[in-house]
Every structure is written in C-alpha cells, then in structure tokens.
Amino acid sequence: MTARLVLLAERGTWESVDPGRLEYMLDRAGLGASSGEDLRLLLGGDPGTRGAVGYGIWFNDDAFLWTDVTAIVQNMIIPRTPGGDVYTWLYNTTTNRSNLGVEAFISYYAQSDFHFRVFDWARPADPWQTDIPYNQLGEYIHDVQNPDGVWRQLLRVINVTQQHTLNNWTNKVYLYNRFREVWDLVYLYAYTTNNPSQNTFQPGDFYGSWGPIFETFQNHDGSNKPIGFDDSWIYQDGDISQLAPENSWIEIDDPSLYPPIFLVPNSAWAVGSTDGEPVDQVFEAEGGVHDLGRLYGDYWVASPGDGEGWMLRGPMWTFPAGRMNAEYLAGIAEVSGPDDPICMLGVWDATQGYYAAADTLYRSDFADDRAASPFRHDFNAVAGHQYEFVVYSLANEVLGMDRVVIVKN
C-alpha cells in the first residue's frame, strides 16, 4: 500500500482519490497517524526504502476509455519462486482500467512458492480475497514458448469489470484450465455505485492507470528469474485492443531490471536473469527410443495390441543445478470406460539410478478423446547428473505422445 501512495505522490494525483479511500490506504500502510511532514519525507525519500514499479506498462491517460465492460487478458510468466535477491514482497500484476476493479496477480514473498491473489478495490473494508497457493494451481499452469524463443511457465488470467444495469456491477476473475481447455470462474463480486463514473476510468484518475507491471518493495540487482507477461490485450465494450506505444508507455524505476529479456511493445516483456535456464528444452517423442508403437503424424502412438512396454525413452540430458519442470504432452483415444492405468511418466536420474519424479496416469486423468493434455513433473536437477525422460505404456488404451518440454522453475 505504501508503494501505491508513493506512485500517487510521484504522479501528483492525490486529488483524484476519494478522501475515504485515501484514509483507508494510509491506515493500511500504517501511516494513519503520520504528520504531513512525515508523509512527505517517507513518500519522497530514497527509492530503496519504498515499493515502486520496477518495470512495466502504464496506460496513456486518454486511452482505453470504456462504458459497459472492460477486461484485460493476462498471460503471466511465473516461475515457482522468484529467485535472485528477492527478500520481500513482489507482485506480477495489472489493472483492467476500472476504478473499482480488481488486481488478479501473482504474489511472491522472499523465496517461497508464489500464490495467486485477488485484491478488490470495490471492497475497501475487505479487499484481500482469493488466495490460491502454487500447489493448488496444477490445472492452470503450463509451459509456453516466449517471444525470445525460450519456454517458460505461464498462467492465463482474465480480469473483468462489467456494468449490468445502471450502477450495478460485477468484478470477475477467470483462470484458463489448460487441462480441460475452459475458463474457470475463480472470483465474483457484485456491487453498486452512486454513478457510473465512479468505476469507468476518467482521464486524471489513478486507479486503473497501470497495466502489466513488476511491482516491487526493494531494490533489485536483476538476478531474479524471468518474470513478466508473455502477452496482454484489452477487451472493452465489444472491441479488442492490443497494448502498443500509441496507447501505453513503459516505466523503469529500477535500472537493474533494464534492459528487459525481451520486449514486444507494449504487450509482452520479461525482466530478470536467464542464468540457469536449460539450453535444450524440447524433446520430440518421435525422436526418442521406442520398444513399441509407431509414428502417427507428429505423435508417437502405441495401441493395446503392441503390449506393455517402453513406449518412449529419451536421450540423456544434463541441466544446470536447480528446480526444473518437465511437461509431457499426451493423449488417449477414449476417455470413457473403466478407470484403467494407462502409462507411467518418469524423469530417470541415470547417474544415481532412481526416479527424480514419476507418476502413473489413469484414464480419469485425461480430459478429452484424442486431445493431448499436458502433464507436469517438478524435479530438482543436480549439476553433472544425466536425466532421461521415459513413458511406459500399460497397454490398456491407444496412447499418443507428442513432446516433453523442460523449463527452469
């Protein structure tokens, strides 16, 4: 909250904030009893002592004005832990251009696993809402190739504010379920206003002014894992708009986060260090060693008639030391029927002679007939060890394997 007060002071927009909300912000920041002089010293002091936007996108004041509905699609690049020198809070966040909307964001604290959070500006008495820890987001996290060609972990979010009748609104947040290929509603709040302009952004307003940002509460040395947005765009009143230099601008408060790892003006960016990311990331199934099955298009396929056995064994891989994630893309011909075991997926540490990660998949683990689904394994890579990615068919269904992607996590 102190970071938001800092931004208000820097941008000279104190007057745009409702007095009741400003009082709430000061109380939340522990500044409710501070004198005017104390506030000036704190909010105008050394940037190393306050939260700020380390890097990110702000909307032009006269852009993205709306009437009935506004939403932003957030494709967030989200390593499991932030890495580097992060020792306090760090948010990967954005607004959707509404004054009383939500921030649906990734919250890091020090080197703990991230949480997905919702902060609702329409609920000043109780703004902190949804809180989903990393280990409960398995169906929503998947790996995507970023604009710089590197595969990284991603969470897809839609953050919506909509007017239904005059002065009656809802804030909604959806997460994309990559397993079932649907958008799941994870947050909903209905509320009223005295007039629509309390919610629809007006030039000069502060709330709703920032787009995808890296919000930080410390100085950085740029050693964190890549964090950012693979892509973002806005939907308003029936129109879709890309973020671009014509309607938004880039703010860099922490020079250690510049230059970015990549920048697609202004819809996609990542900041941090690429140290420790594996050089080779994609293992195509047809390129492996197979004791059974056959090539079918881009897939390697085994049927029950082929019998039980090694459907896929990859070449030996070595990785930088650290936590990795292997994502297997697999599908079966028929998801209905008895809940038979279908296959075993594993990450074999050939140096030590044990599975660094392994799991048996059952028919009920697959979502759709013939549609490939991603299955993920976290494992800790040891420097100098050799790893092999394997699939063992249990001969109960036609099974297709496409690829394995390995990302730093």
Protein backbone atom coordinates (compact mmCIF):
# COMPACT_ATOMS: atom_id res chain seq x y z
CA MET A 1 0.00 0.00 0.00
CA THR A 2 2.95 2.28 0.64
CA ALA A 3 4.00 1.66 -2.97
CA ARG A 4 0.65 2.92 -4.23
CA LEU A 5 0.93 6.02 -2.06
CA VAL A 6 4.39 6.62 -3.50
CA LEU A 7 3.01 6.42 -7.02
CA LEU A 8 0.24 8.87 -6.11
CA ALA A 9 2.84 11.31 -4.78
CA GLU A 10 5.14 10.91 -7.79
CA ARG A 11 2.34 11.40 -10.31
CA GLY A 12 0.73 14.30 -8.44
CA THR A 13 -2.69 12.62 -8.37
CA TRP A 14 -3.61 12.80 -4.67
CA GLU A 15 -6.61 14.97 -5.57
CA SER A 16 -8.13 12.24 -7.75
CA VAL A 17 -8.55 9.85 -4.80
CA ASP A 18 -11.72 9.79 -2.75
CA PRO A 19 -10.85 11.07 0.77
CA GLY A 20 -12.30 7.97 2.40
CA ARG A 21 -10.22 5.69 0.23
CA LEU A 22 -7.08 7.75 0.82
CA GLU A 23 -7.65 7.44 4.57
CA TYR A 24 -8.04 3.66 4.12
CA MET A 25 -4.79 3.48 2.12
CA LEU A 26 -2.88 5.43 4.78
CA ASP A 27 -4.24 3.17 7.53
CA ARG A 28 -3.30 0.02 5.60
CA ALA A 29 0.22 1.39 5.13
CA GLY A 30 0.49 2.11 8.85
CA LEU A 31 0.59 5.84 8.18
CA GLY A 32 -2.78 6.92 9.54
CA ALA A 33 -1.23 8.85 12.44
CA SER A 34 1.64 10.37 10.42
CA SER A 35 2.03 14.11 10.10
CA GLY A 36 2.11 15.81 6.73
CA GLU A 37 5.86 16.34 7.09
CA ASP A 38 6.43 12.66 7.91
CA LEU A 39 4.46 11.67 4.83
CA ARG A 40 6.47 14.00 2.62
CA LEU A 41 9.75 12.58 3.94
CA LEU A 42 8.62 8.98 3.53
CA LEU A 43 7.00 9.27 0.13
CA GLY A 44 9.74 11.45 -1.30
CA GLY A 45 12.67 9.54 0.19
CA ASP A 46 15.22 7.10 -1.16
CA PRO A 47 13.60 4.67 -3.65
CA GLY A 48 15.40 1.80 -1.92
CA THR A 49 13.15 2.21 1.14
CA ARG A 50 9.78 2.03 -0.61
CA GLY A 51 7.75 -0.03 -3.03
CA ALA A 52 7.55 1.02 -6.67
CA VAL A 53 7.09 -0.20 -10.22
CA GLY A 54 10.41 -1.85 -11.02
CA TYR A 55 9.38 -2.25 -14.64
CA GLY A 56 6.09 -2.24 -16.50
CA ILE A 57 3.40 -0.67 -18.64
CA TRP A 58 1.14 2.31 -17.87
CA PHE A 59 -1.88 3.24 -19.96
CA ASN A 60 -1.94 6.62 -21.67
CA ASP A 61 -4.35 8.87 -19.81
CA ASP A 62 -6.71 9.27 -22.79
CA ALA A 63 -6.57 5.60 -23.91
CA PHE A 64 -8.86 2.65 -23.17
CA LEU A 65 -11.89 4.64 -22.06
CA TRP A 66 -15.00 2.47 -21.70
CA THR A 67 -18.66 2.39 -20.70
CA ASP A 68 -20.11 -1.08 -20.02
CA VAL A 69 -17.34 -3.66 -19.73
CA THR A 70 -13.57 -3.70 -19.51
CA ALA A 71 -11.29 -6.73 -19.25
CA ILE A 72 -7.62 -7.49 -19.61
CA VAL A 73 -6.16 -10.85 -20.65
CA GLN A 74 -3.04 -11.56 -18.62
CA ASN A 75 -0.61 -14.21 -19.84
CA MET A 76 1.80 -14.07 -16.92
CA ILE A 77 5.32 -15.53 -16.86
CA ILE A 78 5.57 -17.01 -13.38
CA PRO A 79 8.47 -19.11 -12.08
CA ARG A 80 7.53 -21.08 -9.00
CA THR A 81 9.89 -18.96 -6.84
CA PRO A 82 11.31 -15.57 -7.83
CA GLY A 83 14.97 -16.46 -7.32
CA GLY A 84 17.77 -13.92 -7.21
CA ASP A 85 17.85 -11.30 -4.49
CA VAL A 86 14.11 -11.13 -3.70
CA TYR A 87 13.66 -10.99 0.09
CA THR A 88 10.29 -9.25 0.45
CA TRP A 89 7.01 -8.94 -1.46
CA LEU A 90 6.95 -8.95 -5.27
CA TYR A 91 3.81 -8.75 -7.41
CA ASN A 92 3.24 -9.53 -11.08
CA THR A 93 0.04 -7.54 -11.57
CA THR A 94 -2.15 -5.24 -13.65
CA THR A 95 -5.44 -3.35 -13.52
CA ASN A 96 -8.16 -3.71 -16.15
CA ARG A 97 -8.70 0.08 -16.48
CA SER A 98 -11.53 0.30 -13.93
CA ASN A 99 -11.54 2.39 -10.74
CA LEU A 100 -13.28 -0.28 -8.65
CA GLY A 101 -11.99 -3.40 -10.37
CA VAL A 102 -9.56 -5.99 -9.05
CA GLU A 103 -5.94 -6.86 -9.36
CA ALA A 104 -5.63 -10.58 -10.14
CA PHE A 105 -1.96 -11.19 -9.60
CA ILE A 106 0.97 -13.39 -8.66
CA SER A 107 2.28 -12.71 -5.15
CA TYR A 108 5.81 -13.72 -4.18
CA TYR A 109 7.30 -13.37 -0.74
CA ALA A 110 11.05 -13.90 -0.46
CA GLN A 111 11.86 -17.34 -1.93
CA SER A 112 8.58 -19.07 -1.11
CA ASP A 113 6.33 -20.60 -3.77
CA PHE A 114 4.01 -17.99 -5.27
CA HIS A 115 0.30 -17.53 -4.53
CA PHE A 116 -2.39 -16.34 -6.92
CA ARG A 117 -4.22 -13.46 -5.21
CA VAL A 118 -7.17 -11.14 -5.87
CA PHE A 119 -7.28 -7.61 -4.44
CA ASP A 120 -10.69 -5.98 -4.97
CA TRP A 121 -10.84 -2.17 -4.95
CA ALA A 122 -14.66 -2.31 -4.68
CA ARG A 123 -14.36 -3.82 -1.17
CA PRO A 124 -12.39 -1.26 0.88
CA ALA A 125 -13.23 -2.96 4.17
CA ASP A 126 -12.04 -6.36 2.98
CA PRO A 127 -10.06 -6.07 -0.28
CA TRP A 128 -7.83 -9.16 0.05
CA GLN A 129 -9.82 -12.02 -1.44
CA THR A 130 -8.90 -15.15 -3.39
CA ASP A 131 -5.64 -16.79 -2.29
CA ILE A 132 -4.60 -19.94 -4.19
CA PRO A 133 -1.15 -21.42 -3.42
CA TYR A 134 1.09 -22.81 -6.13
CA ASN A 135 0.43 -26.43 -5.24
CA GLN A 136 -3.32 -25.99 -5.95
CA LEU A 137 -2.87 -24.47 -9.43
CA GLY A 138 -1.80 -27.62 -11.26
CA GLU A 139 -4.59 -27.49 -13.87
CA TYR A 140 -3.86 -23.85 -14.71
CA ILE A 141 -0.07 -23.67 -15.07
CA HIS A 142 1.50 -24.72 -18.36
CA ASP A 143 4.59 -24.05 -20.45
CA VAL A 144 4.61 -21.63 -23.37
CA GLN A 145 7.34 -20.53 -25.74
CA ASN A 146 8.02 -16.84 -25.10
CA PRO A 147 8.84 -14.25 -27.80
CA ASP A 148 12.59 -14.81 -27.23
CA GLY A 149 12.14 -18.50 -28.13
CA VAL A 150 12.52 -19.83 -24.56
CA TRP A 151 9.81 -21.97 -22.93
CA ARG A 152 8.67 -20.71 -19.53
CA GLN A 153 5.89 -21.34 -17.03
CA LEU A 154 2.65 -19.41 -17.67
CA LEU A 155 -0.70 -18.63 -16.02
CA ARG A 156 -3.55 -17.22 -18.15
CA VAL A 157 -5.97 -14.87 -16.37
CA ILE A 158 -8.93 -12.69 -17.43
CA ASN A 159 -9.76 -9.78 -15.12
CA VAL A 160 -13.26 -8.33 -15.85
CA THR A 161 -15.37 -5.40 -14.60
CA GLN A 162 -18.88 -5.22 -16.09
CA GLN A 163 -21.95 -2.99 -15.66
CA HIS A 164 -25.18 -4.97 -15.90
CA THR A 165 -27.76 -2.26 -15.17
CA LEU A 166 -27.23 1.36 -14.18
CA ASN A 167 -24.80 1.43 -11.23
CA ASN A 168 -24.90 -2.38 -10.78
CA TRP A 169 -21.57 -4.09 -11.41
CA THR A 170 -19.62 -7.30 -11.07
CA ASN A 171 -15.91 -7.95 -10.80
CA LYS A 172 -14.92 -11.36 -12.14
CA VAL A 173 -11.67 -13.28 -12.48
CA TYR A 174 -11.15 -16.36 -14.67
CA LEU A 175 -8.22 -18.78 -14.85
CA TYR A 176 -7.63 -20.82 -18.00
CA ASN A 177 -7.77 -24.54 -17.26
CA ARG A 178 -5.18 -25.91 -19.70
CA PHE A 179 -6.25 -29.47 -18.87
CA ARG A 180 -9.95 -29.08 -19.73
CA GLU A 181 -9.44 -26.11 -22.13
CA VAL A 182 -12.07 -23.92 -20.42
CA TRP A 183 -12.02 -20.65 -18.45
CA ASP A 184 -12.87 -21.33 -14.79
CA LEU A 185 -14.51 -18.56 -12.75
CA VAL A 186 -12.46 -18.21 -9.55
CA TYR A 187 -13.75 -14.89 -8.19
CA LEU A 188 -17.05 -12.96 -8.41
CA TYR A 189 -18.26 -9.88 -6.54
CA ALA A 190 -21.41 -7.81 -7.19
CA TYR A 191 -21.70 -4.21 -6.01
CA THR A 192 -23.34 -0.86 -6.71
CA THR A 193 -22.12 2.70 -7.27
CA ASN A 194 -23.79 6.10 -7.00
CA ASN A 195 -22.96 6.88 -10.62
CA PRO A 196 -21.08 5.04 -13.40
CA SER A 197 -18.13 7.47 -13.38
CA GLN A 198 -17.11 6.06 -10.01
CA ASN A 199 -15.99 2.97 -11.90
CA THR A 200 -15.38 3.94 -15.53
CA PHE A 201 -11.92 5.43 -15.88
CA GLN A 202 -11.80 9.18 -16.46
CA PRO A 203 -8.62 11.00 -17.57
CA GLY A 204 -6.73 12.01 -14.45
CA ASP A 205 -7.88 9.05 -12.33
CA PHE A 206 -5.25 6.97 -10.56
CA TYR A 207 -6.99 3.63 -10.10
CA GLY A 208 -6.96 1.74 -13.36
CA SER A 209 -3.96 3.68 -14.66
CA TRP A 210 -1.34 0.90 -14.58
CA GLY A 211 -1.10 -2.04 -16.93
CA PRO A 212 1.13 -5.12 -16.58
CA ILE A 213 3.83 -4.24 -14.04
CA PHE A 214 6.57 -5.77 -11.89
CA GLU A 215 5.65 -4.22 -8.53
CA THR A 216 8.43 -4.39 -6.01
CA PHE A 217 9.23 -3.31 -2.45
CA GLN A 218 13.02 -3.36 -2.64
CA ASN A 219 15.88 -2.54 -4.96
CA HIS A 220 16.96 -5.35 -7.28
CA ASP A 221 20.20 -6.43 -8.90
CA GLY A 222 18.46 -8.11 -11.85
CA SER A 223 19.25 -11.66 -10.66
CA ASN A 224 15.62 -12.82 -10.28
CA LYS A 225 14.25 -15.50 -12.60
CA PRO A 226 12.43 -14.20 -15.71
CA ILE A 227 9.12 -12.64 -14.61
CA GLY A 228 6.68 -10.71 -16.78
CA PHE A 229 3.91 -11.09 -19.34
CA ASP A 230 4.02 -13.27 -22.44
CA ASP A 231 1.18 -11.22 -23.94
CA SER A 232 -1.64 -8.93 -22.81
CA TRP A 233 -4.60 -7.34 -24.52
CA ILE A 234 -7.77 -5.47 -23.55
CA TYR A 235 -11.44 -6.14 -24.31
CA GLN A 236 -13.79 -3.16 -23.89
CA ASP A 237 -17.41 -2.65 -24.99
CA GLY A 238 -17.10 -5.30 -27.72
CA ASP A 239 -13.69 -4.23 -29.06
CA ILE A 240 -10.32 -5.95 -28.64
CA SER A 241 -7.22 -3.75 -28.43
CA GLN A 242 -3.52 -4.59 -28.23
CA LEU A 243 -1.26 -2.67 -25.90
CA ALA A 244 1.03 -0.59 -28.10
CA PRO A 245 3.27 2.51 -27.88
CA GLU A 246 0.33 4.56 -29.20
CA ASN A 247 -1.80 3.83 -26.10
CA SER A 248 0.67 2.97 -23.33
CA TRP A 249 4.19 3.66 -22.09
CA ILE A 250 6.98 1.87 -20.23
CA GLU A 251 8.15 2.91 -16.78
CA ILE A 252 11.50 1.77 -15.41
CA ASP A 253 12.01 2.65 -11.75
CA ASP A 254 14.76 0.11 -11.11
CA PRO A 255 17.58 0.40 -13.69
CA SER A 256 18.89 -3.05 -12.72
CA LEU A 257 15.81 -4.52 -14.45
CA TYR A 258 16.79 -2.86 -17.74
CA PRO A 259 17.18 -3.92 -20.47
CA PRO A 260 14.38 -6.49 -20.39
CA ILE A 261 14.98 -10.06 -21.51
CA PHE A 262 12.53 -9.33 -24.31
CA LEU A 263 10.03 -6.60 -25.16
CA VAL A 264 7.16 -6.72 -27.66
CA PRO A 265 5.95 -3.10 -27.46
CA ASN A 266 3.96 -2.86 -25.32
CA SER A 267 2.11 -6.12 -24.79
CA ALA A 268 4.86 -8.53 -23.72
CA TRP A 269 8.02 -8.30 -21.62
CA ALA A 270 10.14 -10.17 -19.11
CA VAL A 271 12.79 -8.91 -16.71
CA GLY A 272 15.45 -10.70 -14.72
CA SER A 273 18.23 -13.14 -15.49
CA THR A 274 18.25 -16.13 -17.84
CA ASP A 275 21.07 -17.81 -15.88
CA GLY A 276 20.28 -21.44 -15.15
CA GLU A 277 17.71 -21.89 -17.94
CA PRO A 278 18.35 -25.13 -19.85
CA VAL A 279 19.82 -24.73 -23.31
CA ASP A 280 17.87 -27.66 -24.76
CA GLN A 281 14.22 -27.61 -23.74
CA VAL A 282 12.13 -29.66 -26.17
CA PHE A 283 12.29 -33.40 -26.68
CA GLU A 284 10.05 -34.58 -29.54
CA ALA A 285 8.56 -38.01 -28.94
CA GLU A 286 9.31 -39.29 -32.42
CA GLY A 287 13.00 -38.54 -31.82
CA GLY A 288 13.30 -40.93 -28.87
CA VAL A 289 13.99 -44.63 -28.43
CA HIS A 290 10.92 -46.87 -28.65
CA ASP A 291 10.42 -50.53 -27.84
CA LEU A 292 6.85 -50.40 -29.14
CA GLY A 293 4.49 -48.14 -31.08
CA ARG A 294 4.73 -46.19 -34.35
CA LEU A 295 4.83 -42.68 -35.76
CA TYR A 296 1.43 -41.09 -36.44
CA GLY A 297 1.75 -37.54 -37.73
CA ASP A 298 3.68 -35.60 -35.09
CA TYR A 299 2.91 -38.18 -32.39
CA TRP A 300 4.40 -41.49 -31.34
CA VAL A 301 1.48 -43.87 -30.74
CA ALA A 302 1.14 -47.25 -29.05
CA SER A 303 -2.02 -49.38 -29.02
CA PRO A 304 -3.08 -52.20 -26.65
CA GLY A 305 -2.10 -54.66 -29.35
CA ASP A 306 1.52 -53.55 -29.04
CA GLY A 307 1.54 -54.83 -25.48
CA GLU A 308 3.07 -53.43 -22.33
CA GLY A 309 6.48 -51.83 -22.51
CA TRP A 310 8.65 -48.77 -23.12
CA MET A 311 6.78 -46.52 -25.45
CA LEU A 312 9.36 -43.77 -25.18
CA ARG A 313 12.84 -43.33 -23.79
CA GLY A 314 14.73 -40.14 -24.43
CA PRO A 315 18.44 -39.46 -24.82
CA MET A 316 20.44 -38.43 -21.76
CA TRP A 317 20.14 -34.77 -20.74
CA THR A 318 22.18 -32.61 -18.38
CA PHE A 319 20.87 -29.40 -16.79
CA PRO A 320 22.07 -26.53 -14.65
CA ALA A 321 21.52 -27.23 -10.97
CA GLY A 322 18.12 -26.19 -9.64
CA ARG A 323 14.42 -26.87 -9.73
CA MET A 324 13.08 -27.88 -13.16
CA ASN A 325 9.71 -28.86 -14.55
CA ALA A 326 9.07 -31.43 -17.26
CA GLU A 327 5.77 -31.14 -19.13
CA TYR A 328 4.63 -34.17 -21.13
CA LEU A 329 2.01 -33.75 -23.87
CA ALA A 330 -0.02 -36.96 -24.05
CA GLY A 331 -3.48 -38.10 -25.16
CA ILE A 332 -5.60 -41.24 -25.42
CA ALA A 333 -8.21 -42.39 -27.94
CA GLU A 334 -11.07 -42.94 -25.47
CA VAL A 335 -11.60 -41.31 -22.07
CA SER A 336 -14.78 -43.22 -21.21
CA GLY A 337 -14.68 -46.73 -19.80
CA PRO A 338 -13.05 -48.40 -16.81
CA ASP A 339 -10.53 -46.28 -14.94
CA ASP A 340 -7.55 -48.35 -16.07
CA PRO A 341 -3.95 -47.32 -15.53
CA ILE A 342 -2.68 -46.03 -18.90
CA CYS A 343 1.00 -45.30 -18.56
CA MET A 344 3.86 -44.29 -16.31
CA LEU A 345 5.68 -40.99 -16.92
CA GLY A 346 9.08 -40.54 -15.35
CA VAL A 347 12.25 -38.48 -15.02
CA TRP A 348 15.04 -41.01 -14.55
CA ASP A 349 18.28 -39.91 -12.87
CA ALA A 350 20.69 -42.22 -14.68
CA THR A 351 23.64 -41.04 -12.59
CA GLN A 352 22.10 -42.15 -9.29
CA GLY A 353 19.81 -44.86 -10.68
CA TYR A 354 16.43 -43.64 -9.37
CA TYR A 355 13.40 -41.65 -10.49
CA ALA A 356 13.70 -37.96 -9.72
CA ALA A 357 9.94 -37.82 -10.48
CA ALA A 358 7.38 -40.38 -11.66
CA ASP A 359 3.63 -40.80 -11.86
CA THR A 360 1.09 -43.34 -13.12
CA LEU A 361 -1.72 -41.85 -15.22
CA TYR A 362 -5.21 -43.36 -15.20
CA ARG A 363 -8.00 -42.99 -17.75
CA SER A 364 -9.69 -40.42 -15.49
CA ASP A 365 -6.59 -38.20 -15.68
CA PHE A 366 -7.28 -37.46 -19.37
CA ALA A 367 -9.86 -34.84 -20.33
CA ASP A 368 -10.88 -35.41 -23.97
CA ASP A 369 -10.82 -38.15 -26.59
CA ARG A 370 -7.70 -37.82 -28.77
CA ALA A 371 -6.90 -34.34 -27.42
CA ALA A 372 -3.44 -34.09 -25.90
CA SER A 373 -3.16 -32.78 -22.35
CA PRO A 374 -0.04 -31.52 -20.56
CA PHE A 375 1.15 -33.47 -17.51
CA ARG A 376 3.84 -31.93 -15.33
CA HIS A 377 6.67 -33.15 -13.10
CA ASP A 378 8.69 -30.94 -10.76
CA PHE A 379 12.18 -32.24 -10.05
CA ASN A 380 15.45 -30.93 -8.68
CA ALA A 381 18.28 -31.16 -11.19
CA VAL A 382 21.72 -31.93 -9.81
CA ALA A 383 24.66 -30.46 -11.70
CA GLY A 384 26.54 -33.13 -13.66
CA HIS A 385 23.78 -35.74 -13.42
CA GLN A 386 22.24 -37.25 -16.54
CA TYR A 387 18.46 -37.46 -16.88
CA GLU A 388 16.21 -39.45 -19.20
CA PHE A 389 12.50 -38.80 -19.87
CA VAL A 390 10.52 -42.01 -20.18
CA VAL A 391 7.00 -43.24 -20.90
CA TYR A 392 5.96 -46.81 -20.13
CA SER A 393 2.71 -47.99 -21.75
CA LEU A 394 0.49 -50.31 -19.70
CA ALA A 395 -1.38 -51.45 -22.84
CA ASN A 396 -4.92 -50.53 -21.75
CA GLU A 397 -5.61 -47.81 -24.32
CA VAL A 398 -4.30 -46.21 -27.51
CA LEU A 399 -1.77 -43.72 -26.18
CA GLY A 400 -0.15 -40.86 -28.09
CA MET A 401 2.93 -38.86 -27.01
CA ASP A 402 3.92 -35.57 -28.63
CA ARG A 403 6.76 -33.94 -26.71
CA VAL A 404 8.41 -33.14 -23.41
CA VAL A 405 9.29 -29.52 -22.53
CA ILE A 406 11.74 -28.72 -19.74
CA VAL A 407 11.70 -25.32 -18.03
CA LYS A 408 13.52 -23.73 -15.12
CA ASN A 409 11.12 -23.46 -12.22
